[in-house]
Amino acid sequence: MTTLMQMKGGIPIVEPNGNIIGTAASDLQEELVSRVNATDAACVLINFAHVHKIDSCGLGALVSAYIEARQKKGRIGIINVGGNIRNLVVRSRLIRLFEHFDTEDAAVASLSADTWR
């Protein structure tokens, strides 16, 4: 798995590419936690457009990033979540942890406007 990173409106956007399983999940966790800690607002947007599979390790990586952001009063936003990943997140009851947005622009506007509500 490769991960692209860009900044937009002061919000880091992490774009994993590939499957978030096994050791790739650990790599993503490190990337997300470092991005949360690198910003004053502790907000990160994750774009799942190029992710087709995620396992329990991947879910754990997302939860770790959420916990880190929450401790800093930050937020984690997600966009472009495919049906399979969405179903897994719903079944695991983690759906409420992450803010879902329809577009990147909407996510950046919301995440940069304020911190945790």
PDB file of N, CA and C in Angstrom:
ATOM      1  N   MET A   1       0.836  -1.170   0.000  1.00  0.00           N
ATOM      2  CA  MET A   1       0.000   0.000   0.000  1.00  0.00           C
ATOM      3  C   MET A   1       0.887   1.241   0.000  1.00  0.00           C
ATOM      4  N   THR A   2       0.516   2.203  -0.798  1.00  0.00           N
ATOM      5  CA  THR A   2       1.191   3.497  -0.796  1.00  0.00           C
ATOM      6  C   THR A   2       0.214   4.537  -0.243  1.00  0.00           C
ATOM      7  N   THR A   3       0.758   5.606   0.280  1.00  0.00           N
ATOM      8  CA  THR A   3      -0.085   6.658   0.838  1.00  0.00           C
ATOM      9  C   THR A   3       0.395   8.005   0.319  1.00  0.00           C
ATOM     10  N   LEU A   4      -0.507   8.729  -0.303  1.00  0.00           N
ATOM     11  CA  LEU A   4      -0.215  10.085  -0.746  1.00  0.00           C
ATOM     12  C   LEU A   4      -0.706  11.040   0.324  1.00  0.00           C
ATOM     13  N   MET A   5      -0.064  12.190   0.412  1.00  0.00           N
ATOM     14  CA  MET A   5      -0.480  13.182   1.387  1.00  0.00           C
ATOM     15  C   MET A   5      -0.423  14.543   0.725  1.00  0.00           C
ATOM     16  N   GLN A   6      -1.455  15.317   0.946  1.00  0.00           N
ATOM     17  CA  GLN A   6      -1.483  16.694   0.469  1.00  0.00           C
ATOM     18  C   GLN A   6      -2.140  17.561   1.538  1.00  0.00           C
ATOM     19  N   MET A   7      -1.938  18.847   1.416  1.00  0.00           N
ATOM     20  CA  MET A   7      -2.569  19.803   2.323  1.00  0.00           C
ATOM     21  C   MET A   7      -3.550  20.641   1.517  1.00  0.00           C
ATOM     22  N   LYS A   8      -4.701  20.900   2.115  1.00  0.00           N
ATOM     23  CA  LYS A   8      -5.683  21.767   1.472  1.00  0.00           C
ATOM     24  C   LYS A   8      -6.382  22.555   2.577  1.00  0.00           C
ATOM     25  N   GLY A   9      -6.301  23.857   2.519  1.00  0.00           N
ATOM     26  CA  GLY A   9      -6.930  24.689   3.528  1.00  0.00           C
ATOM     27  C   GLY A   9      -6.416  24.424   4.934  1.00  0.00           C
ATOM     28  N   GLY A  10      -5.155  24.019   5.041  1.00  0.00           N
ATOM     29  CA  GLY A  10      -4.572  23.731   6.348  1.00  0.00           C
ATOM     30  C   GLY A  10      -4.918  22.358   6.898  1.00  0.00           C
ATOM     31  N   ILE A  11      -5.651  21.557   6.130  1.00  0.00           N
ATOM     32  CA  ILE A  11      -6.050  20.219   6.567  1.00  0.00           C
ATOM     33  C   ILE A  11      -5.242  19.182   5.793  1.00  0.00           C
ATOM     34  N   PRO A  12      -4.546  18.278   6.500  1.00  0.00           N
ATOM     35  CA  PRO A  12      -3.850  17.212   5.791  1.00  0.00           C
ATOM     36  C   PRO A  12      -4.860  16.210   5.229  1.00  0.00           C
ATOM     37  N   ILE A  13      -4.651  15.841   3.979  1.00  0.00           N
ATOM     38  CA  ILE A  13      -5.501  14.840   3.335  1.00  0.00           C
ATOM     39  C   ILE A  13      -4.631  13.625   3.059  1.00  0.00           C
ATOM     40  N   VAL A  14      -4.975  12.514   3.680  1.00  0.00           N
ATOM     41  CA  VAL A  14      -4.244  11.265   3.517  1.00  0.00           C
ATOM     42  C   VAL A  14      -5.027  10.402   2.533  1.00  0.00           C
ATOM     43  N   GLU A  15      -4.331   9.936   1.490  1.00  0.00           N
ATOM     44  CA  GLU A  15      -4.964   9.134   0.454  1.00  0.00           C
ATOM     45  C   GLU A  15      -4.270   7.779   0.331  1.00  0.00           C
ATOM     46  N   PRO A  16      -4.728   6.791   1.112  1.00  0.00           N
ATOM     47  CA  PRO A  16      -4.143   5.464   0.974  1.00  0.00           C
ATOM     48  C   PRO A  16      -4.506   4.871  -0.389  1.00  0.00           C
ATOM     49  N   ASN A  17      -3.599   4.086  -0.942  1.00  0.00           N
ATOM     50  CA  ASN A  17      -3.826   3.459  -2.233  1.00  0.00           C
ATOM     51  C   ASN A  17      -3.479   1.980  -2.103  1.00  0.00           C
ATOM     52  N   GLY A  18      -4.480   1.134  -2.206  1.00  0.00           N
ATOM     53  CA  GLY A  18      -4.287  -0.302  -2.037  1.00  0.00           C
ATOM     54  C   GLY A  18      -5.143  -0.807  -0.901  1.00  0.00           C
ATOM     55  N   ASN A  19      -4.838  -1.994  -0.458  1.00  0.00           N
ATOM     56  CA  ASN A  19      -5.603  -2.602   0.626  1.00  0.00           C
ATOM     57  C   ASN A  19      -4.982  -2.263   1.976  1.00  0.00           C
ATOM     58  N   ILE A  20      -5.820  -1.958   2.938  1.00  0.00           N
ATOM     59  CA  ILE A  20      -5.354  -1.646   4.288  1.00  0.00           C
ATOM     60  C   ILE A  20      -5.507  -2.909   5.119  1.00  0.00           C
ATOM     61  N   ILE A  21      -4.519  -3.767   4.972  1.00  0.00           N
ATOM     62  CA  ILE A  21      -4.526  -5.046   5.687  1.00  0.00           C
ATOM     63  C   ILE A  21      -3.120  -5.332   6.215  1.00  0.00           C
ATOM     64  N   GLY A  22      -3.054  -6.035   7.342  1.00  0.00           N
ATOM     65  CA  GLY A  22      -1.769  -6.450   7.901  1.00  0.00           C
ATOM     66  C   GLY A  22      -0.822  -5.296   8.176  1.00  0.00           C
ATOM     67  N   THR A  23       0.410  -5.433   7.656  1.00  0.00           N
ATOM     68  CA  THR A  23       1.436  -4.422   7.924  1.00  0.00           C
ATOM     69  C   THR A  23       1.109  -3.080   7.282  1.00  0.00           C
ATOM     70  N   ALA A  24       0.343  -3.081   6.208  1.00  0.00           N
ATOM     71  CA  ALA A  24      -0.067  -1.812   5.592  1.00  0.00           C
ATOM     72  C   ALA A  24      -0.902  -0.996   6.572  1.00  0.00           C
ATOM     73  N   ALA A  25      -1.658  -1.667   7.425  1.00  0.00           N
ATOM     74  CA  ALA A  25      -2.468  -0.969   8.432  1.00  0.00           C
ATOM     75  C   ALA A  25      -1.570  -0.272   9.445  1.00  0.00           C
ATOM     76  N   SER A  26      -0.477  -0.920   9.828  1.00  0.00           N
ATOM     77  CA  SER A  26       0.469  -0.294  10.764  1.00  0.00           C
ATOM     78  C   SER A  26       1.099   0.949  10.152  1.00  0.00           C
ATOM     79  N   ASP A  27       1.444   0.860   8.868  1.00  0.00           N
ATOM     80  CA  ASP A  27       2.015   2.013   8.177  1.00  0.00           C
ATOM     81  C   ASP A  27       1.021   3.172   8.130  1.00  0.00           C
ATOM     82  N   LEU A  28      -0.237   2.846   7.837  1.00  0.00           N
ATOM     83  CA  LEU A  28      -1.268   3.882   7.785  1.00  0.00           C
ATOM     84  C   LEU A  28      -1.470   4.503   9.167  1.00  0.00           C
ATOM     85  N   GLN A  29      -1.470   3.678  10.201  1.00  0.00           N
ATOM     86  CA  GLN A  29      -1.636   4.192  11.565  1.00  0.00           C
ATOM     87  C   GLN A  29      -0.534   5.189  11.895  1.00  0.00           C
ATOM     88  N   GLU A  30       0.699   4.851  11.592  1.00  0.00           N
ATOM     89  CA  GLU A  30       1.810   5.765  11.850  1.00  0.00           C
ATOM     90  C   GLU A  30       1.631   7.075  11.094  1.00  0.00           C
ATOM     91  N   GLU A  31       1.222   6.973   9.830  1.00  0.00           N
ATOM     92  CA  GLU A  31       1.013   8.165   9.012  1.00  0.00           C
ATOM     93  C   GLU A  31      -0.095   9.050   9.588  1.00  0.00           C
ATOM     94  N   LEU A  32      -1.217   8.438   9.948  1.00  0.00           N
ATOM     95  CA  LEU A  32      -2.344   9.211  10.469  1.00  0.00           C
ATOM     96  C   LEU A  32      -2.014   9.868  11.796  1.00  0.00           C
ATOM     97  N   VAL A  33      -1.416   9.127  12.704  1.00  0.00           N
ATOM     98  CA  VAL A  33      -1.078   9.679  14.023  1.00  0.00           C
ATOM     99  C   VAL A  33      -0.064  10.810  13.874  1.00  0.00           C
ATOM    100  N   SER A  34       0.913  10.639  12.979  1.00  0.00           N
ATOM    101  CA  SER A  34       1.895  11.717  12.789  1.00  0.00           C
ATOM    102  C   SER A  34       1.232  12.957  12.198  1.00  0.00           C
ATOM    103  N   ARG A  35       0.256  12.783  11.318  1.00  0.00           N
ATOM    104  CA  ARG A  35      -0.460  13.931  10.734  1.00  0.00           C
ATOM    105  C   ARG A  35      -1.319  14.623  11.786  1.00  0.00           C
ATOM    106  N   VAL A  36      -1.967  13.852  12.642  1.00  0.00           N
ATOM    107  CA  VAL A  36      -2.771  14.435  13.722  1.00  0.00           C
ATOM    108  C   VAL A  36      -1.878  15.265  14.637  1.00  0.00           C
ATOM    109  N   ASN A  37      -0.720  14.735  14.965  1.00  0.00           N
ATOM    110  CA  ASN A  37       0.185  15.431  15.876  1.00  0.00           C
ATOM    111  C   ASN A  37       0.913  16.596  15.222  1.00  0.00           C
ATOM    112  N   ALA A  38       0.934  16.644  13.904  1.00  0.00           N
ATOM    113  CA  ALA A  38       1.667  17.685  13.192  1.00  0.00           C
ATOM    114  C   ALA A  38       0.848  18.953  12.960  1.00  0.00           C
ATOM    115  N   THR A  39      -0.453  18.894  13.221  1.00  0.00           N
ATOM    116  CA  THR A  39      -1.286  20.067  12.963  1.00  0.00           C
ATOM    117  C   THR A  39      -1.821  20.632  14.266  1.00  0.00           C
ATOM    118  N   ASP A  40      -2.020  21.930  14.302  1.00  0.00           N
ATOM    119  CA  ASP A  40      -2.563  22.571  15.498  1.00  0.00           C
ATOM    120  C   ASP A  40      -4.003  22.136  15.759  1.00  0.00           C
ATOM    121  N   ALA A  41      -4.782  21.995  14.688  1.00  0.00           N
ATOM    122  CA  ALA A  41      -6.193  21.640  14.846  1.00  0.00           C
ATOM    123  C   ALA A  41      -6.396  20.150  15.055  1.00  0.00           C
ATOM    124  N   ALA A  42      -5.384  19.340  14.792  1.00  0.00           N
ATOM    125  CA  ALA A  42      -5.455  17.880  14.947  1.00  0.00           C
ATOM    126  C   ALA A  42      -6.583  17.271  14.128  1.00  0.00           C
ATOM    127  N   CYS A  43      -6.833  17.836  12.957  1.00  0.00           N
ATOM    128  CA  CYS A  43      -7.856  17.311  12.055  1.00  0.00           C
ATOM    129  C   CYS A  43      -7.183  16.695  10.841  1.00  0.00           C
ATOM    130  N   VAL A  44      -7.725  15.574  10.394  1.00  0.00           N
ATOM    131  CA  VAL A  44      -7.199  14.876   9.221  1.00  0.00           C
ATOM    132  C   VAL A  44      -8.376  14.396   8.395  1.00  0.00           C
ATOM    133  N   LEU A  45      -8.223  14.470   7.087  1.00  0.00           N
ATOM    134  CA  LEU A  45      -9.211  13.935   6.157  1.00  0.00           C
ATOM    135  C   LEU A  45      -8.595  12.715   5.481  1.00  0.00           C
ATOM    136  N   ILE A  46      -9.340  11.614   5.456  1.00  0.00           N
ATOM    137  CA  ILE A  46      -8.878  10.395   4.799  1.00  0.00           C
ATOM    138  C   ILE A  46      -9.743  10.164   3.573  1.00  0.00           C
ATOM    139  N   ASN A  47      -9.091  10.054   2.420  1.00  0.00           N
ATOM    140  CA  ASN A  47      -9.777   9.813   1.156  1.00  0.00           C
ATOM    141  C   ASN A  47      -9.615   8.336   0.794  1.00  0.00           C
ATOM    142  N   PHE A  48     -10.712   7.594   0.826  1.00  0.00           N
ATOM    143  CA  PHE A  48     -10.693   6.160   0.567  1.00  0.00           C
ATOM    144  C   PHE A  48     -10.965   5.806  -0.900  1.00  0.00           C
ATOM    145  N   ALA A  49     -10.792   6.746  -1.814  1.00  0.00           N
ATOM    146  CA  ALA A  49     -11.126   6.515  -3.226  1.00  0.00           C
ATOM    147  C   ALA A  49     -10.379   5.328  -3.829  1.00  0.00           C
ATOM    148  N   HIS A  50      -9.160   5.063  -3.368  1.00  0.00           N
ATOM    149  CA  HIS A  50      -8.343   4.004  -3.965  1.00  0.00           C
ATOM    150  C   HIS A  50      -8.112   2.833  -3.010  1.00  0.00           C
ATOM    151  N   VAL A  51      -9.010   2.670  -2.058  1.00  0.00           N
ATOM    152  CA  VAL A  51      -8.926   1.549  -1.114  1.00  0.00           C
ATOM    153  C   VAL A  51     -10.114   0.633  -1.364  1.00  0.00           C
ATOM    154  N   HIS A  52      -9.822  -0.646  -1.524  1.00  0.00           N
ATOM    155  CA  HIS A  52     -10.887  -1.599  -1.831  1.00  0.00           C
ATOM    156  C   HIS A  52     -11.125  -2.606  -0.719  1.00  0.00           C
ATOM    157  N   LYS A  53     -10.143  -2.746   0.165  1.00  0.00           N
ATOM    158  CA  LYS A  53     -10.257  -3.737   1.230  1.00  0.00           C
ATOM    159  C   LYS A  53      -9.607  -3.209   2.493  1.00  0.00           C
ATOM    160  N   ILE A  54     -10.233  -3.527   3.635  1.00  0.00           N
ATOM    161  CA  ILE A  54      -9.679  -3.163   4.935  1.00  0.00           C
ATOM    162  C   ILE A  54      -9.995  -4.306   5.898  1.00  0.00           C
ATOM    163  N   ASP A  55      -9.044  -4.629   6.768  1.00  0.00           N
ATOM    164  CA  ASP A  55      -9.282  -5.695   7.740  1.00  0.00           C
ATOM    165  C   ASP A  55      -9.335  -5.109   9.147  1.00  0.00           C
ATOM    166  N   SER A  56      -9.357  -5.980  10.149  1.00  0.00           N
ATOM    167  CA  SER A  56      -9.468  -5.505  11.529  1.00  0.00           C
ATOM    168  C   SER A  56      -8.255  -4.678  11.936  1.00  0.00           C
ATOM    169  N   CYS A  57      -7.086  -4.991  11.394  1.00  0.00           N
ATOM    170  CA  CYS A  57      -5.899  -4.176  11.676  1.00  0.00           C
ATOM    171  C   CYS A  57      -6.085  -2.769  11.108  1.00  0.00           C
ATOM    172  N   GLY A  58      -6.680  -2.685   9.935  1.00  0.00           N
ATOM    173  CA  GLY A  58      -6.963  -1.393   9.324  1.00  0.00           C
ATOM    174  C   GLY A  58      -7.957  -0.596  10.145  1.00  0.00           C
ATOM    175  N   LEU A  59      -8.994  -1.276  10.637  1.00  0.00           N
ATOM    176  CA  LEU A  59      -9.961  -0.591  11.500  1.00  0.00           C
ATOM    177  C   LEU A  59      -9.285  -0.106  12.776  1.00  0.00           C
ATOM    178  N   GLY A  60      -8.385  -0.924  13.308  1.00  0.00           N
ATOM    179  CA  GLY A  60      -7.638  -0.530  14.500  1.00  0.00           C
ATOM    180  C   GLY A  60      -6.793   0.708  14.253  1.00  0.00           C
ATOM    181  N   ALA A  61      -6.199   0.806  13.061  1.00  0.00           N
ATOM    182  CA  ALA A  61      -5.407   1.985  12.705  1.00  0.00           C
ATOM    183  C   ALA A  61      -6.276   3.227  12.680  1.00  0.00           C
ATOM    184  N   LEU A  62      -7.478   3.107  12.133  1.00  0.00           N
ATOM    185  CA  LEU A  62      -8.401   4.238  12.089  1.00  0.00           C
ATOM    186  C   LEU A  62      -8.835   4.648  13.487  1.00  0.00           C
ATOM    187  N   VAL A  63      -9.108   3.670  14.335  1.00  0.00           N
ATOM    188  CA  VAL A  63      -9.520   3.969  15.711  1.00  0.00           C
ATOM    189  C   VAL A  63      -8.381   4.640  16.475  1.00  0.00           C
ATOM    190  N   SER A  64      -7.159   4.183  16.274  1.00  0.00           N
ATOM    191  CA  SER A  64      -6.009   4.811  16.939  1.00  0.00           C
ATOM    192  C   SER A  64      -5.872   6.274  16.534  1.00  0.00           C
ATOM    193  N   ALA A  65      -6.050   6.546  15.244  1.00  0.00           N
ATOM    194  CA  ALA A  65      -5.985   7.934  14.773  1.00  0.00           C
ATOM    195  C   ALA A  65      -7.112   8.752  15.378  1.00  0.00           C
ATOM    196  N   TYR A  66      -8.303   8.165  15.474  1.00  0.00           N
ATOM    197  CA  TYR A  66      -9.444   8.859  16.075  1.00  0.00           C
ATOM    198  C   TYR A  66      -9.148   9.203  17.542  1.00  0.00           C
ATOM    199  N   ILE A  67      -8.624   8.245  18.288  1.00  0.00           N
ATOM    200  CA  ILE A  67      -8.321   8.467  19.706  1.00  0.00           C
ATOM    201  C   ILE A  67      -7.286   9.578  19.862  1.00  0.00           C
ATOM    202  N   GLU A  68      -6.256   9.543  19.030  1.00  0.00           N
ATOM    203  CA  GLU A  68      -5.216  10.579  19.089  1.00  0.00           C
ATOM    204  C   GLU A  68      -5.813  11.958  18.782  1.00  0.00           C
ATOM    205  N   ALA A  69      -6.651  12.029  17.758  1.00  0.00           N
ATOM    206  CA  ALA A  69      -7.280  13.295  17.389  1.00  0.00           C
ATOM    207  C   ALA A  69      -8.217  13.774  18.495  1.00  0.00           C
ATOM    208  N   ARG A  70      -8.976  12.873  19.050  1.00  0.00           N
ATOM    209  CA  ARG A  70      -9.940  13.215  20.092  1.00  0.00           C
ATOM    210  C   ARG A  70      -9.235  13.780  21.327  1.00  0.00           C
ATOM    211  N   GLN A  71      -8.085  13.210  21.674  1.00  0.00           N
ATOM    212  CA  GLN A  71      -7.333  13.694  22.826  1.00  0.00           C
ATOM    213  C   GLN A  71      -6.841  15.118  22.617  1.00  0.00           C
ATOM    214  N   LYS A  72      -6.652  15.501  21.357  1.00  0.00           N
ATOM    215  CA  LYS A  72      -6.207  16.857  21.042  1.00  0.00           C
ATOM    216  C   LYS A  72      -7.372  17.736  20.603  1.00  0.00           C
ATOM    217  N   LYS A  73      -8.596  17.257  20.850  1.00  0.00           N
ATOM    218  CA  LYS A  73      -9.825  17.960  20.459  1.00  0.00           C
ATOM    219  C   LYS A  73      -9.925  18.147  18.947  1.00  0.00           C
ATOM    220  N   GLY A  74      -9.383  17.189  18.204  1.00  0.00           N
ATOM    221  CA  GLY A  74      -9.422  17.219  16.748  1.00  0.00           C
ATOM    222  C   GLY A  74     -10.504  16.306  16.196  1.00  0.00           C
ATOM    223  N   ARG A  75     -10.495  16.167  14.881  1.00  0.00           N
ATOM    224  CA  ARG A  75     -11.532  15.377  14.206  1.00  0.00           C
ATOM    225  C   ARG A  75     -10.915  14.597  13.046  1.00  0.00           C
ATOM    226  N   ILE A  76     -11.563  13.488  12.705  1.00  0.00           N
ATOM    227  CA  ILE A  76     -11.178  12.685  11.551  1.00  0.00           C
ATOM    228  C   ILE A  76     -12.354  12.671  10.588  1.00  0.00           C
ATOM    229  N   GLY A  77     -12.106  13.113   9.375  1.00  0.00           N
ATOM    230  CA  GLY A  77     -13.131  13.088   8.341  1.00  0.00           C
ATOM    231  C   GLY A  77     -12.787  12.049   7.293  1.00  0.00           C
ATOM    232  N   ILE A  78     -13.805  11.482   6.653  1.00  0.00           N
ATOM    233  CA  ILE A  78     -13.575  10.500   5.599  1.00  0.00           C
ATOM    234  C   ILE A  78     -14.442  10.833   4.385  1.00  0.00           C
ATOM    235  N   ILE A  79     -13.885  10.534   3.213  1.00  0.00           N
ATOM    236  CA  ILE A  79     -14.623  10.706   1.962  1.00  0.00           C
ATOM    237  C   ILE A  79     -14.363   9.515   1.049  1.00  0.00           C
ATOM    238  N   ASN A  80     -15.237   9.348   0.082  1.00  0.00           N
ATOM    239  CA  ASN A  80     -15.116   8.315  -0.955  1.00  0.00           C
ATOM    240  C   ASN A  80     -14.987   6.900  -0.391  1.00  0.00           C
ATOM    241  N   VAL A  81     -15.825   6.577   0.576  1.00  0.00           N
ATOM    242  CA  VAL A  81     -15.803   5.249   1.188  1.00  0.00           C
ATOM    243  C   VAL A  81     -16.668   4.309   0.353  1.00  0.00           C
ATOM    244  N   GLY A  82     -16.057   3.239  -0.137  1.00  0.00           N
ATOM    245  CA  GLY A  82     -16.783   2.262  -0.943  1.00  0.00           C
ATOM    246  C   GLY A  82     -17.740   1.439  -0.099  1.00  0.00           C
ATOM    247  N   GLY A  83     -18.641   0.749  -0.768  1.00  0.00           N
ATOM    248  CA  GLY A  83     -19.679  -0.026  -0.092  1.00  0.00           C
ATOM    249  C   GLY A  83     -19.157  -1.098   0.842  1.00  0.00           C
ATOM    250  N   ASN A  84     -18.126  -1.833   0.437  1.00  0.00           N
ATOM    251  CA  ASN A  84     -17.605  -2.905   1.286  1.00  0.00           C
ATOM    252  C   ASN A  84     -17.005  -2.364   2.576  1.00  0.00           C
ATOM    253  N   ILE A  85     -16.249  -1.294   2.456  1.00  0.00           N
ATOM    254  CA  ILE A  85     -15.636  -0.702   3.650  1.00  0.00           C
ATOM    255  C   ILE A  85     -16.706  -0.073   4.532  1.00  0.00           C
ATOM    256  N   ARG A  86     -17.660   0.599   3.912  1.00  0.00           N
ATOM    257  CA  ARG A  86     -18.747   1.210   4.688  1.00  0.00           C
ATOM    258  C   ARG A  86     -19.511   0.136   5.470  1.00  0.00           C
ATOM    259  N   ASN A  87     -19.808  -0.982   4.839  1.00  0.00           N
ATOM    260  CA  ASN A  87     -20.520  -2.064   5.528  1.00  0.00           C
ATOM    261  C   ASN A  87     -19.730  -2.588   6.711  1.00  0.00           C
ATOM    262  N   LEU A  88     -18.428  -2.737   6.553  1.00  0.00           N
ATOM    263  CA  LEU A  88     -17.595  -3.227   7.647  1.00  0.00           C
ATOM    264  C   LEU A  88     -17.582  -2.234   8.812  1.00  0.00           C
ATOM    265  N   VAL A  89     -17.474  -0.959   8.492  1.00  0.00           N
ATOM    266  CA  VAL A  89     -17.452   0.062   9.543  1.00  0.00           C
ATOM    267  C   VAL A  89     -18.804   0.115  10.262  1.00  0.00           C
ATOM    268  N   VAL A  90     -19.887  -0.057   9.523  1.00  0.00           N
ATOM    269  CA  VAL A  90     -21.221  -0.069  10.134  1.00  0.00           C
ATOM    270  C   VAL A  90     -21.382  -1.303  11.024  1.00  0.00           C
ATOM    271  N   ARG A  91     -21.009  -2.470  10.515  1.00  0.00           N
ATOM    272  CA  ARG A  91     -21.156  -3.708  11.295  1.00  0.00           C
ATOM    273  C   ARG A  91     -20.308  -3.693  12.556  1.00  0.00           C
ATOM    274  N   SER A  92     -19.147  -3.065  12.491  1.00  0.00           N
ATOM    275  CA  SER A  92     -18.275  -3.010  13.666  1.00  0.00           C
ATOM    276  C   SER A  92     -18.658  -1.872  14.624  1.00  0.00           C
ATOM    277  N   ARG A  93     -19.709  -1.147  14.259  1.00  0.00           N
ATOM    278  CA  ARG A  93     -20.259  -0.061  15.072  1.00  0.00           C
ATOM    279  C   ARG A  93     -19.291   1.109  15.278  1.00  0.00           C
ATOM    280  N   LEU A  94     -18.422   1.302  14.312  1.00  0.00           N
ATOM    281  CA  LEU A  94     -17.475   2.409  14.377  1.00  0.00           C
ATOM    282  C   LEU A  94     -17.927   3.598  13.541  1.00  0.00           C
ATOM    283  N   ILE A  95     -19.081   3.491  12.933  1.00  0.00           N
ATOM    284  CA  ILE A  95     -19.569   4.495  11.998  1.00  0.00           C
ATOM    285  C   ILE A  95     -19.668   5.883  12.634  1.00  0.00           C
ATOM    286  N   ARG A  96     -19.960   5.956  13.912  1.00  0.00           N
ATOM    287  CA  ARG A  96     -20.146   7.253  14.576  1.00  0.00           C
ATOM    288  C   ARG A  96     -18.845   7.970  14.913  1.00  0.00           C
ATOM    289  N   LEU A  97     -17.734   7.269  14.810  1.00  0.00           N
ATOM    290  CA  LEU A  97     -16.459   7.889  15.164  1.00  0.00           C
ATOM    291  C   LEU A  97     -15.976   8.873  14.103  1.00  0.00           C
ATOM    292  N   PHE A  98     -16.344   8.612  12.853  1.00  0.00           N
ATOM    293  CA  PHE A  98     -15.778   9.381  11.752  1.00  0.00           C
ATOM    294  C   PHE A  98     -16.841  10.229  11.081  1.00  0.00           C
ATOM    295  N   GLU A  99     -16.445  11.433  10.717  1.00  0.00           N
ATOM    296  CA  GLU A  99     -17.357  12.327  10.025  1.00  0.00           C
ATOM    297  C   GLU A  99     -17.277  12.037   8.530  1.00  0.00           C
ATOM    298  N   HIS A 100     -18.435  11.816   7.922  1.00  0.00           N
ATOM    299  CA  HIS A 100     -18.517  11.491   6.499  1.00  0.00           C
ATOM    300  C   HIS A 100     -18.872  12.745   5.712  1.00  0.00           C
ATOM    301  N   PHE A 101     -18.184  12.934   4.597  1.00  0.00           N
ATOM    302  CA  PHE A 101     -18.444  14.083   3.741  1.00  0.00           C
ATOM    303  C   PHE A 101     -18.629  13.610   2.309  1.00  0.00           C
ATOM    304  N   ASP A 102     -19.420  14.367   1.546  1.00  0.00           N
ATOM    305  CA  ASP A 102     -19.665  14.025   0.152  1.00  0.00           C
ATOM    306  C   ASP A 102     -18.534  14.456  -0.763  1.00  0.00           C
ATOM    307  N   THR A 103     -17.895  15.574  -0.439  1.00  0.00           N
ATOM    308  CA  THR A 103     -16.822  16.085  -1.284  1.00  0.00           C
ATOM    309  C   THR A 103     -15.625  16.508  -0.444  1.00  0.00           C
ATOM    310  N   GLU A 104     -14.497  16.586  -1.103  1.00  0.00           N
ATOM    311  CA  GLU A 104     -13.282  17.032  -0.434  1.00  0.00           C
ATOM    312  C   GLU A 104     -13.409  18.481   0.018  1.00  0.00           C
ATOM    313  N   ASP A 105     -13.999  19.310  -0.828  1.00  0.00           N
ATOM    314  CA  ASP A 105     -14.164  20.723  -0.477  1.00  0.00           C
ATOM    315  C   ASP A 105     -15.049  20.900   0.756  1.00  0.00           C
ATOM    316  N   ALA A 106     -16.133  20.139   0.840  1.00  0.00           N
ATOM    317  CA  ALA A 106     -17.023  20.223   2.003  1.00  0.00           C
ATOM    318  C   ALA A 106     -16.297  19.761   3.268  1.00  0.00           C
ATOM    319  N   ALA A 107     -15.504  18.718   3.132  1.00  0.00           N
ATOM    320  CA  ALA A 107     -14.766  18.197   4.279  1.00  0.00           C
ATOM    321  C   ALA A 107     -13.741  19.206   4.773  1.00  0.00           C
ATOM    322  N   VAL A 108     -12.980  19.772   3.862  1.00  0.00           N
ATOM    323  CA  VAL A 108     -11.955  20.746   4.242  1.00  0.00           C
ATOM    324  C   VAL A 108     -12.593  21.965   4.892  1.00  0.00           C
ATOM    325  N   ALA A 109     -13.697  22.439   4.329  1.00  0.00           N
ATOM    326  CA  ALA A 109     -14.379  23.600   4.899  1.00  0.00           C
ATOM    327  C   ALA A 109     -14.844  23.309   6.323  1.00  0.00           C
ATOM    328  N   SER A 110     -15.423  22.145   6.538  1.00  0.00           N
ATOM    329  CA  SER A 110     -15.931  21.797   7.869  1.00  0.00           C
ATOM    330  C   SER A 110     -14.802  21.565   8.866  1.00  0.00           C
ATOM    331  N   LEU A 111     -13.786  20.803   8.463  1.00  0.00           N
ATOM    332  CA  LEU A 111     -12.699  20.479   9.381  1.00  0.00           C
ATOM    333  C   LEU A 111     -11.853  21.692   9.731  1.00  0.00           C
ATOM    334  N   SER A 112     -11.739  22.631   8.817  1.00  0.00           N
ATOM    335  CA  SER A 112     -10.916  23.807   9.108  1.00  0.00           C
ATOM    336  C   SER A 112     -11.707  24.880   9.867  1.00  0.00           C
ATOM    337  N   ALA A 113     -13.036  24.748   9.896  1.00  0.00           N
ATOM    338  CA  ALA A 113     -13.874  25.758  10.554  1.00  0.00           C
ATOM    339  C   ALA A 113     -13.774  25.708  12.074  1.00  0.00           C
ATOM    340  N   ASP A 114     -13.736  24.519  12.622  1.00  0.00           N
ATOM    341  CA  ASP A 114     -13.680  24.400  14.080  1.00  0.00           C
ATOM    342  C   ASP A 114     -13.186  23.012  14.454  1.00  0.00           C
ATOM    343  N   THR A 115     -12.993  22.786  15.741  1.00  0.00           N
ATOM    344  CA  THR A 115     -12.571  21.477  16.212  1.00  0.00           C
ATOM    345  C   THR A 115     -13.770  20.712  16.705  1.00  0.00           C
ATOM    346  N   TRP A 116     -13.547  19.726  17.490  1.00  0.00           N
ATOM    347  CA  TRP A 116     -14.594  18.808  17.950  1.00  0.00           C
ATOM    348  C   TRP A 116     -15.767  19.564  18.542  1.00  0.00           C
ATOM    349  N   ARG A 117     -16.957  19.162  18.121  1.00  0.00           N
ATOM    350  CA  ARG A 117     -18.177  19.824  18.612  1.00  0.00           C
ATOM    351  C   ARG A 117     -18.705  19.113  19.819  1.00  0.00           C
TER     352      ARG A 117
END
